[in-house]
Each structure stands twice: as structure tokens, then as C-alpha cells.
Amino acid sequence: MKLLKILFLIAFFMILIPSTKACITSDWKFTLNIGSLKINDKVLENLCNKETCYVAEDFTVIKSSYDERVAIIIGKTSSILGFKGITFRLPYKLNEEGLPEISEVDPEKYDWKNLVKTDLNFLKDLGVVEISSQDIEKISSLATNGKNIMLCNSSWQALEPNCFCEMSNEALEMSGGIVCVKCGAPAFNVKIPEKLLTSIKTKDQISISFFILIFTLSFLIFVVILVKKLKLVH
């Protein structure tokens, strides 16, 4: 019965408000969204394997380098986030009503600033996110739970979880580019991968690369020997 209720809510929000870019999820106190980021999907795809990434159609989940209990959700087309960006999600448990409760970490007391600073630098070093050190400092200084951090009018701002930046002329005239909507969505947990994302190749990848190298060298040696034999014949 609870599952049917959750599925109904998901269908309701997908059908009736498809153009909405930012809705409040019931687990908003356990999350922090960061938009306006340059994410290199191709680099992320190449680095991922089944142990380091949980890959869905619209998002990829990796483990935080700062705190292994924290999920980093990287939105591709933003069906979860309301925009293409990153969500940091602390662990929680669902009560009988399907609402999030504190399990291990109190989101109000958590060190969001160091979490964001560490993991943005981590993703920058991997080449997944293109961002300056200055932007990382500014974003991390704004980091706290239940916020959407976005670049609005050339400055980073921490918005409420149901607000986003819209650079259309109408939005700029009405509210300086910040638009807030009234909608909600149910919470759902995501699976955190077993291992941390890394730029170091796995043993299988190294073996394949080594095999290709040996094959290429063997082929070149064969060609050289063949050319020498042909010269001797002539």
C-alpha cells in the first residue's frame, strides 16, 4: 500500500507539473543541491565502474571522498535535482509514514562546508567538474542543509529548496531571476557504491591495456621483420 502511494505521488508530479525545475522533496533537510556547474559527463562515464558508481538513466551516484556515509548524486538531465547539478545526501531512515528521520547524522549539526569543499576539489581533480578554486571557496562558504546553491546574476547564492534561477526576461523583471514554486515530491534512498571513484585504472583495465600494448608491439616487430625479408629477396 505504501509503495502504491509513493508511485502515485511520483506519477502525479511527473504528469501534472512536468515543467517544474525545483520541487521540495520530503528529505530536503538531509540534502544540499548545487547547480550551475560544468559537469563533464564523458569523463564521469569513463571513470565509472560497477564498484564505484551506481548509474541510472538520469543520474549517477558516487561515494563522498569526505564521508563514506554521504551519497553524491550527479544529475545528467536533472529529473531528481530540478536542474543539472550535484546533490549531497546524508543517510537517513524512513518511518512508518515514509518520512525521513535521523539515523546516523544530524543534518543541522553536520559540517556541510568541509564536505562540499573537499568533494568539489575531489571532483575537480578527477576532471568531472570544471570549477575554479575561488568558486569552490564561495560555494562551500554558503553550504548548509536544505539549500539550492546556484549562480544567479553572476554571484553564487543559497536559495530555498523550492527556488531556482531563471534567466528569462520575464523572471528577471519579476524577481531578479529567482523563481520559487509550490510543489513536493516523495523521498527515496539511493544506493551508495562500495568503492570511491578514482582515476587509477582497475586491474582488468590495466590487463586490457597491457594486452593491447603487447599486441601492438608484436605486430610492429612482425612488420619490420617482414619488410627486411622482402628487401633481402629483392
C-alpha atoms as a PDB file:
ATOM      1  CA  MET A   1       0.000   0.000   0.000  1.00  0.00           C
ATOM      2  CA  LYS A   2       2.857   2.376   0.910  1.00  0.00           C
ATOM      3  CA  LEU A   3       4.602   1.553  -2.378  1.00  0.00           C
ATOM      4  CA  LEU A   4       1.439   2.317  -4.359  1.00  0.00           C
ATOM      5  CA  LYS A   5       1.138   5.669  -2.564  1.00  0.00           C
ATOM      6  CA  ILE A   6       4.741   6.589  -3.443  1.00  0.00           C
ATOM      7  CA  LEU A   7       4.280   5.537  -7.084  1.00  0.00           C
ATOM      8  CA  PHE A   8       1.095   7.605  -7.292  1.00  0.00           C
ATOM      9  CA  LEU A   9       2.867  10.693  -5.959  1.00  0.00           C
ATOM     10  CA  ILE A  10       5.738  10.270  -8.414  1.00  0.00           C
ATOM     11  CA  ALA A  11       3.307   9.885 -11.320  1.00  0.00           C
ATOM     12  CA  PHE A  12       1.322  12.911 -10.143  1.00  0.00           C
ATOM     13  CA  PHE A  13       4.329  15.229 -10.111  1.00  0.00           C
ATOM     14  CA  MET A  14       5.696  13.926 -13.413  1.00  0.00           C
ATOM     15  CA  ILE A  15       2.383  14.329 -15.258  1.00  0.00           C
ATOM     16  CA  LEU A  16       0.839  17.460 -13.737  1.00  0.00           C
ATOM     17  CA  ILE A  17       3.956  19.608 -13.292  1.00  0.00           C
ATOM     18  CA  PRO A  18       6.457  18.461 -15.941  1.00  0.00           C
ATOM     19  CA  SER A  19       7.944  21.941 -16.414  1.00  0.00           C
ATOM     20  CA  THR A  20       8.795  22.437 -12.744  1.00  0.00           C
ATOM     21  CA  LYS A  21      12.525  22.826 -12.178  1.00  0.00           C
ATOM     22  CA  ALA A  22      12.733  22.672  -8.386  1.00  0.00           C
ATOM     23  CA  CYS A  23      10.383  20.901  -6.003  1.00  0.00           C
ATOM     24  CA  ILE A  24      10.775  20.258  -2.289  1.00  0.00           C
ATOM     25  CA  THR A  25      11.421  16.582  -1.601  1.00  0.00           C
ATOM     26  CA  SER A  26      10.433  15.279   1.812  1.00  0.00           C
ATOM     27  CA  ASP A  27      14.113  14.581   2.583  1.00  0.00           C
ATOM     28  CA  TRP A  28      15.201  18.172   1.872  1.00  0.00           C
ATOM     29  CA  LYS A  29      16.702  18.626   5.350  1.00  0.00           C
ATOM     30  CA  PHE A  30      19.190  15.855   4.566  1.00  0.00           C
ATOM     31  CA  THR A  31      20.283  17.261   1.200  1.00  0.00           C
ATOM     32  CA  LEU A  32      22.158  20.131  -0.409  1.00  0.00           C
ATOM     33  CA  ASN A  33      21.877  20.897  -4.128  1.00  0.00           C
ATOM     34  CA  ILE A  34      24.476  22.728  -6.203  1.00  0.00           C
ATOM     35  CA  GLY A  35      23.564  23.854  -9.714  1.00  0.00           C
ATOM     36  CA  SER A  36      25.214  25.988 -12.410  1.00  0.00           C
ATOM     37  CA  LEU A  37      28.138  23.553 -12.582  1.00  0.00           C
ATOM     38  CA  LYS A  38      30.064  22.443 -15.674  1.00  0.00           C
ATOM     39  CA  ILE A  39      29.909  18.669 -15.423  1.00  0.00           C
ATOM     40  CA  ASN A  40      31.880  16.522 -17.852  1.00  0.00           C
ATOM     41  CA  ASP A  41      29.556  13.541 -18.312  1.00  0.00           C
ATOM     42  CA  LYS A  42      32.015  11.766 -20.606  1.00  0.00           C
ATOM     43  CA  VAL A  43      34.840  11.852 -18.056  1.00  0.00           C
ATOM     44  CA  LEU A  44      32.482  10.547 -15.362  1.00  0.00           C
ATOM     45  CA  GLU A  45      31.298   7.760 -17.637  1.00  0.00           C
ATOM     46  CA  ASN A  46      34.871   6.696 -18.427  1.00  0.00           C
ATOM     47  CA  LEU A  47      35.897   6.663 -14.758  1.00  0.00           C
ATOM     48  CA  CYS A  48      32.853   4.729 -13.545  1.00  0.00           C
ATOM     49  CA  ASN A  49      32.643   1.006 -12.988  1.00  0.00           C
ATOM     50  CA  LYS A  50      30.162  -1.185 -11.131  1.00  0.00           C
ATOM     51  CA  GLU A  51      32.052  -0.822  -7.833  1.00  0.00           C
ATOM     52  CA  THR A  52      32.457   2.978  -7.885  1.00  0.00           C
ATOM     53  CA  CYS A  53      29.215   4.222  -9.465  1.00  0.00           C
ATOM     54  CA  TYR A  54      25.515   3.489  -9.346  1.00  0.00           C
ATOM     55  CA  VAL A  55      24.315   4.567 -12.784  1.00  0.00           C
ATOM     56  CA  ALA A  56      20.657   5.346 -13.516  1.00  0.00           C
ATOM     57  CA  GLU A  57      19.077   6.863 -16.607  1.00  0.00           C
ATOM     58  CA  ASP A  58      19.109  10.464 -15.354  1.00  0.00           C
ATOM     59  CA  PHE A  59      21.762  10.445 -12.633  1.00  0.00           C
ATOM     60  CA  THR A  60      24.904   8.777 -11.312  1.00  0.00           C
ATOM     61  CA  VAL A  61      25.627   8.140  -7.630  1.00  0.00           C
ATOM     62  CA  ILE A  62      29.158   8.083  -6.213  1.00  0.00           C
ATOM     63  CA  LYS A  63      30.554   7.900  -2.685  1.00  0.00           C
ATOM     64  CA  SER A  64      31.768  11.063  -0.964  1.00  0.00           C
ATOM     65  CA  SER A  65      35.539  11.302  -0.523  1.00  0.00           C
ATOM     66  CA  TYR A  66      34.959  13.252   2.711  1.00  0.00           C
ATOM     67  CA  ASP A  67      32.420  10.945   4.356  1.00  0.00           C
ATOM     68  CA  GLU A  68      31.663   7.458   3.049  1.00  0.00           C
ATOM     69  CA  ARG A  69      28.148   7.668   4.506  1.00  0.00           C
ATOM     70  CA  VAL A  70      27.254  10.509   2.137  1.00  0.00           C
ATOM     71  CA  ALA A  71      25.922   9.969  -1.385  1.00  0.00           C
ATOM     72  CA  ILE A  72      26.856  12.374  -4.170  1.00  0.00           C
ATOM     73  CA  ILE A  73      24.134  12.363  -6.828  1.00  0.00           C
ATOM     74  CA  ILE A  74      25.289  13.818 -10.142  1.00  0.00           C
ATOM     75  CA  GLY A  75      22.316  14.765 -12.317  1.00  0.00           C
ATOM     76  CA  LYS A  76      22.540  14.256 -16.065  1.00  0.00           C
ATOM     77  CA  THR A  77      19.238  15.753 -17.138  1.00  0.00           C
ATOM     78  CA  SER A  78      18.129  16.693 -13.625  1.00  0.00           C
ATOM     79  CA  SER A  79      14.930  14.705 -13.071  1.00  0.00           C
ATOM     80  CA  ILE A  80      15.842  14.448  -9.384  1.00  0.00           C
ATOM     81  CA  LEU A  81      17.586  17.740  -8.797  1.00  0.00           C
ATOM     82  CA  GLY A  82      15.341  20.074 -10.774  1.00  0.00           C
ATOM     83  CA  PHE A  83      18.452  21.203 -12.647  1.00  0.00           C
ATOM     84  CA  LYS A  84      21.673  19.690 -13.921  1.00  0.00           C
ATOM     85  CA  GLY A  85      23.988  19.643 -10.942  1.00  0.00           C
ATOM     86  CA  ILE A  86      25.006  17.798  -7.798  1.00  0.00           C
ATOM     87  CA  THR A  87      23.105  16.740  -4.697  1.00  0.00           C
ATOM     88  CA  PHE A  88      24.849  15.812  -1.450  1.00  0.00           C
ATOM     89  CA  ARG A  89      22.630  13.485   0.559  1.00  0.00           C
ATOM     90  CA  LEU A  90      23.169  12.413   4.156  1.00  0.00           C
ATOM     91  CA  PRO A  91      21.931   8.994   5.312  1.00  0.00           C
ATOM     92  CA  TYR A  92      18.505   8.739   6.927  1.00  0.00           C
ATOM     93  CA  LYS A  93      15.806   6.190   7.663  1.00  0.00           C
ATOM     94  CA  LEU A  94      12.134   6.263   6.701  1.00  0.00           C
ATOM     95  CA  ASN A  95       9.476   5.991   9.391  1.00  0.00           C
ATOM     96  CA  GLU A  96       6.147   4.173   9.045  1.00  0.00           C
ATOM     97  CA  GLU A  97       4.674   7.128   7.154  1.00  0.00           C
ATOM     98  CA  GLY A  98       7.561   7.075   4.678  1.00  0.00           C
ATOM     99  CA  LEU A  99       9.075  10.296   6.036  1.00  0.00           C
ATOM    100  CA  PRO A 100      12.833  10.704   6.643  1.00  0.00           C
ATOM    101  CA  GLU A 101      14.226  10.551  10.172  1.00  0.00           C
ATOM    102  CA  ILE A 102      17.746  10.912  11.576  1.00  0.00           C
ATOM    103  CA  SER A 103      19.604   7.599  11.511  1.00  0.00           C
ATOM    104  CA  GLU A 104      23.333   8.365  11.865  1.00  0.00           C
ATOM    105  CA  VAL A 105      23.886  12.056  11.185  1.00  0.00           C
ATOM    106  CA  ASP A 106      22.020  15.141  12.359  1.00  0.00           C
ATOM    107  CA  PRO A 107      21.838  17.386   9.259  1.00  0.00           C
ATOM    108  CA  GLU A 108      21.573  20.519  11.411  1.00  0.00           C
ATOM    109  CA  LYS A 109      24.912  19.786  13.116  1.00  0.00           C
ATOM    110  CA  TYR A 110      26.783  18.342  10.136  1.00  0.00           C
ATOM    111  CA  ASP A 111      29.897  20.028   8.675  1.00  0.00           C
ATOM    112  CA  TRP A 112      28.449  20.766   5.227  1.00  0.00           C
ATOM    113  CA  LYS A 113      31.131  23.328   4.413  1.00  0.00           C
ATOM    114  CA  ASN A 114      34.049  20.889   4.649  1.00  0.00           C
ATOM    115  CA  LEU A 115      32.004  18.195   2.901  1.00  0.00           C
ATOM    116  CA  VAL A 116      31.323  20.439  -0.098  1.00  0.00           C
ATOM    117  CA  LYS A 117      34.824  21.915  -0.235  1.00  0.00           C
ATOM    118  CA  THR A 118      36.524  18.508  -0.073  1.00  0.00           C
ATOM    119  CA  ASP A 119      34.280  16.811  -2.612  1.00  0.00           C
ATOM    120  CA  LEU A 120      34.215  19.663  -5.134  1.00  0.00           C
ATOM    121  CA  ASN A 121      38.034  19.654  -5.090  1.00  0.00           C
ATOM    122  CA  PHE A 122      37.912  15.865  -5.439  1.00  0.00           C
ATOM    123  CA  LEU A 123      35.619  16.054  -8.490  1.00  0.00           C
ATOM    124  CA  LYS A 124      37.721  18.881  -9.941  1.00  0.00           C
ATOM    125  CA  ASP A 125      40.913  16.803  -9.639  1.00  0.00           C
ATOM    126  CA  LEU A 126      39.194  13.898 -11.415  1.00  0.00           C
ATOM    127  CA  GLY A 127      38.079  16.202 -14.242  1.00  0.00           C
ATOM    128  CA  VAL A 128      34.390  15.521 -13.597  1.00  0.00           C
ATOM    129  CA  VAL A 129      33.628  19.143 -12.661  1.00  0.00           C
ATOM    130  CA  GLU A 130      35.207  22.224 -14.234  1.00  0.00           C
ATOM    131  CA  ILE A 131      35.361  24.849 -11.492  1.00  0.00           C
ATOM    132  CA  SER A 132      37.777  27.426 -10.123  1.00  0.00           C
ATOM    133  CA  SER A 133      39.249  27.388  -6.616  1.00  0.00           C
ATOM    134  CA  GLN A 134      37.544  30.722  -5.972  1.00  0.00           C
ATOM    135  CA  ASP A 135      34.127  29.285  -6.843  1.00  0.00           C
ATOM    136  CA  ILE A 136      34.755  26.284  -4.587  1.00  0.00           C
ATOM    137  CA  GLU A 137      35.569  28.604  -1.690  1.00  0.00           C
ATOM    138  CA  LYS A 138      32.430  30.674  -2.276  1.00  0.00           C
ATOM    139  CA  ILE A 139      30.114  27.690  -2.687  1.00  0.00           C
ATOM    140  CA  SER A 140      31.476  25.899   0.389  1.00  0.00           C
ATOM    141  CA  SER A 141      31.061  29.068   2.467  1.00  0.00           C
ATOM    142  CA  LEU A 142      27.331  29.005   1.611  1.00  0.00           C
ATOM    143  CA  ALA A 143      26.909  25.280   2.207  1.00  0.00           C
ATOM    144  CA  THR A 144      24.225  24.191   4.643  1.00  0.00           C
ATOM    145  CA  ASN A 145      21.432  21.646   4.523  1.00  0.00           C
ATOM    146  CA  GLY A 146      18.215  22.174   2.604  1.00  0.00           C
ATOM    147  CA  LYS A 147      19.521  24.714   0.109  1.00  0.00           C
ATOM    148  CA  ASN A 148      19.879  25.088  -3.662  1.00  0.00           C
ATOM    149  CA  ILE A 149      23.188  26.845  -4.337  1.00  0.00           C
ATOM    150  CA  MET A 150      23.150  28.398  -7.804  1.00  0.00           C
ATOM    151  CA  LEU A 151      24.862  31.105  -9.827  1.00  0.00           C
ATOM    152  CA  CYS A 152      22.342  33.949 -10.018  1.00  0.00           C
ATOM    153  CA  ASN A 153      23.166  37.258 -11.691  1.00  0.00           C
ATOM    154  CA  SER A 154      26.901  36.399 -11.713  1.00  0.00           C
ATOM    155  CA  SER A 155      27.057  35.569  -7.996  1.00  0.00           C
ATOM    156  CA  TRP A 156      26.630  32.335  -6.043  1.00  0.00           C
ATOM    157  CA  GLN A 157      23.525  32.319  -3.854  1.00  0.00           C
ATOM    158  CA  ALA A 158      21.994  29.847  -1.405  1.00  0.00           C
ATOM    159  CA  LEU A 159      18.300  29.572  -2.294  1.00  0.00           C
ATOM    160  CA  GLU A 160      15.449  27.760  -0.595  1.00  0.00           C
ATOM    161  CA  PRO A 161      14.937  24.140  -1.737  1.00  0.00           C
ATOM    162  CA  ASN A 162      11.965  25.077  -3.943  1.00  0.00           C
ATOM    163  CA  CYS A 163      13.719  28.012  -5.650  1.00  0.00           C
ATOM    164  CA  PHE A 164      15.984  28.265  -8.680  1.00  0.00           C
ATOM    165  CA  CYS A 165      17.443  30.839 -11.069  1.00  0.00           C
ATOM    166  CA  GLU A 166      15.622  31.580 -14.288  1.00  0.00           C
ATOM    167  CA  MET A 167      17.365  33.987 -16.645  1.00  0.00           C
ATOM    168  CA  SER A 168      14.362  34.710 -18.868  1.00  0.00           C
ATOM    169  CA  ASN A 169      13.379  38.372 -19.317  1.00  0.00           C
ATOM    170  CA  GLU A 170      10.075  37.841 -17.503  1.00  0.00           C
ATOM    171  CA  ALA A 171      11.754  36.253 -14.473  1.00  0.00           C
ATOM    172  CA  LEU A 172      14.413  38.960 -14.327  1.00  0.00           C
ATOM    173  CA  GLU A 173      11.753  41.670 -14.279  1.00  0.00           C
ATOM    174  CA  MET A 174       9.651  39.974 -11.607  1.00  0.00           C
ATOM    175  CA  SER A 175      12.173  38.673  -9.070  1.00  0.00           C
ATOM    176  CA  GLY A 176      15.714  39.306 -10.224  1.00  0.00           C
ATOM    177  CA  GLY A 177      15.898  35.878 -11.828  1.00  0.00           C
ATOM    178  CA  ILE A 178      14.937  33.862  -8.730  1.00  0.00           C
ATOM    179  CA  VAL A 179      11.772  31.797  -9.113  1.00  0.00           C
ATOM    180  CA  CYS A 180      10.129  29.723  -6.363  1.00  0.00           C
ATOM    181  CA  VAL A 181       7.497  27.064  -6.953  1.00  0.00           C
ATOM    182  CA  LYS A 182       4.985  25.253  -4.777  1.00  0.00           C
ATOM    183  CA  CYS A 183       5.287  21.520  -5.254  1.00  0.00           C
ATOM    184  CA  GLY A 184       6.616  18.495  -3.446  1.00  0.00           C
ATOM    185  CA  ALA A 185       7.943  15.019  -4.115  1.00  0.00           C
ATOM    186  CA  PRO A 186       8.448  11.869  -2.042  1.00  0.00           C
ATOM    187  CA  ALA A 187      11.861  10.892  -0.693  1.00  0.00           C
ATOM    188  CA  PHE A 188      13.655   7.808  -1.886  1.00  0.00           C
ATOM    189  CA  ASN A 189      17.030   6.493  -0.852  1.00  0.00           C
ATOM    190  CA  VAL A 190      19.806   5.769  -3.321  1.00  0.00           C
ATOM    191  CA  LYS A 191      22.437   3.066  -3.194  1.00  0.00           C
ATOM    192  CA  ILE A 192      25.963   4.250  -2.341  1.00  0.00           C
ATOM    193  CA  PRO A 193      28.663   2.359  -4.303  1.00  0.00           C
ATOM    194  CA  GLU A 194      31.121   0.126  -2.452  1.00  0.00           C
ATOM    195  CA  LYS A 195      34.280   1.956  -3.508  1.00  0.00           C
ATOM    196  CA  LEU A 196      35.436   5.527  -4.073  1.00  0.00           C
ATOM    197  CA  LEU A 197      35.645   6.866  -7.620  1.00  0.00           C
ATOM    198  CA  THR A 198      39.268   7.083  -8.727  1.00  0.00           C
ATOM    199  CA  SER A 199      41.345   7.981 -11.764  1.00  0.00           C
ATOM    200  CA  ILE A 200      43.510   4.875 -11.208  1.00  0.00           C
ATOM    201  CA  LYS A 201      42.639   2.072 -13.578  1.00  0.00           C
ATOM    202  CA  THR A 202      41.361  -1.221 -12.226  1.00  0.00           C
ATOM    203  CA  LYS A 203      43.317  -4.459 -12.641  1.00  0.00           C
ATOM    204  CA  ASP A 204      41.056  -5.520 -15.516  1.00  0.00           C
ATOM    205  CA  GLN A 205      41.586  -2.208 -17.312  1.00  0.00           C
ATOM    206  CA  ILE A 206      45.365  -2.460 -16.782  1.00  0.00           C
ATOM    207  CA  SER A 207      45.366  -6.025 -18.117  1.00  0.00           C
ATOM    208  CA  ILE A 208      43.459  -4.990 -21.237  1.00  0.00           C
ATOM    209  CA  SER A 209      45.761  -2.019 -21.819  1.00  0.00           C
ATOM    210  CA  PHE A 210      48.827  -4.232 -21.348  1.00  0.00           C
ATOM    211  CA  PHE A 211      47.461  -6.811 -23.779  1.00  0.00           C
ATOM    212  CA  ILE A 212      46.802  -4.123 -26.401  1.00  0.00           C
ATOM    213  CA  LEU A 213      50.341  -2.764 -25.934  1.00  0.00           C
ATOM    214  CA  ILE A 214      51.932  -6.209 -26.327  1.00  0.00           C
ATOM    215  CA  PHE A 215      49.793  -6.960 -29.369  1.00  0.00           C
ATOM    216  CA  THR A 216      50.718  -3.629 -30.987  1.00  0.00           C
ATOM    217  CA  LEU A 217      54.448  -4.105 -30.342  1.00  0.00           C
ATOM    218  CA  SER A 218      54.335  -7.680 -31.656  1.00  0.00           C
ATOM    219  CA  PHE A 219      52.566  -6.529 -34.803  1.00  0.00           C
ATOM    220  CA  LEU A 220      55.139  -3.766 -35.393  1.00  0.00           C
ATOM    221  CA  ILE A 221      58.032  -6.211 -34.907  1.00  0.00           C
ATOM    222  CA  PHE A 222      56.389  -8.614 -37.346  1.00  0.00           C
ATOM    223  CA  VAL A 223      56.016  -5.836 -39.943  1.00  0.00           C
ATOM    224  CA  VAL A 224      59.666  -4.770 -39.537  1.00  0.00           C
ATOM    225  CA  ILE A 225      60.909  -8.347 -39.945  1.00  0.00           C
ATOM    226  CA  LEU A 226      58.672  -8.859 -42.971  1.00  0.00           C
ATOM    227  CA  VAL A 227      59.956  -5.673 -44.627  1.00  0.00           C
ATOM    228  CA  LYS A 228      63.577  -6.715 -44.045  1.00  0.00           C
ATOM    229  CA  LYS A 229      62.946 -10.141 -45.570  1.00  0.00           C
ATOM    230  CA  LEU A 230      61.341  -8.584 -48.637  1.00  0.00           C
ATOM    231  CA  LYS A 231      64.349  -6.293 -49.084  1.00  0.00           C
ATOM    232  CA  LEU A 232      66.709  -9.263 -48.901  1.00  0.00           C
ATOM    233  CA  VAL A 233      64.695 -11.139 -51.512  1.00  0.00           C
ATOM    234  CA  HIS A 234      64.893  -8.188 -53.899  1.00  0.00           C
END
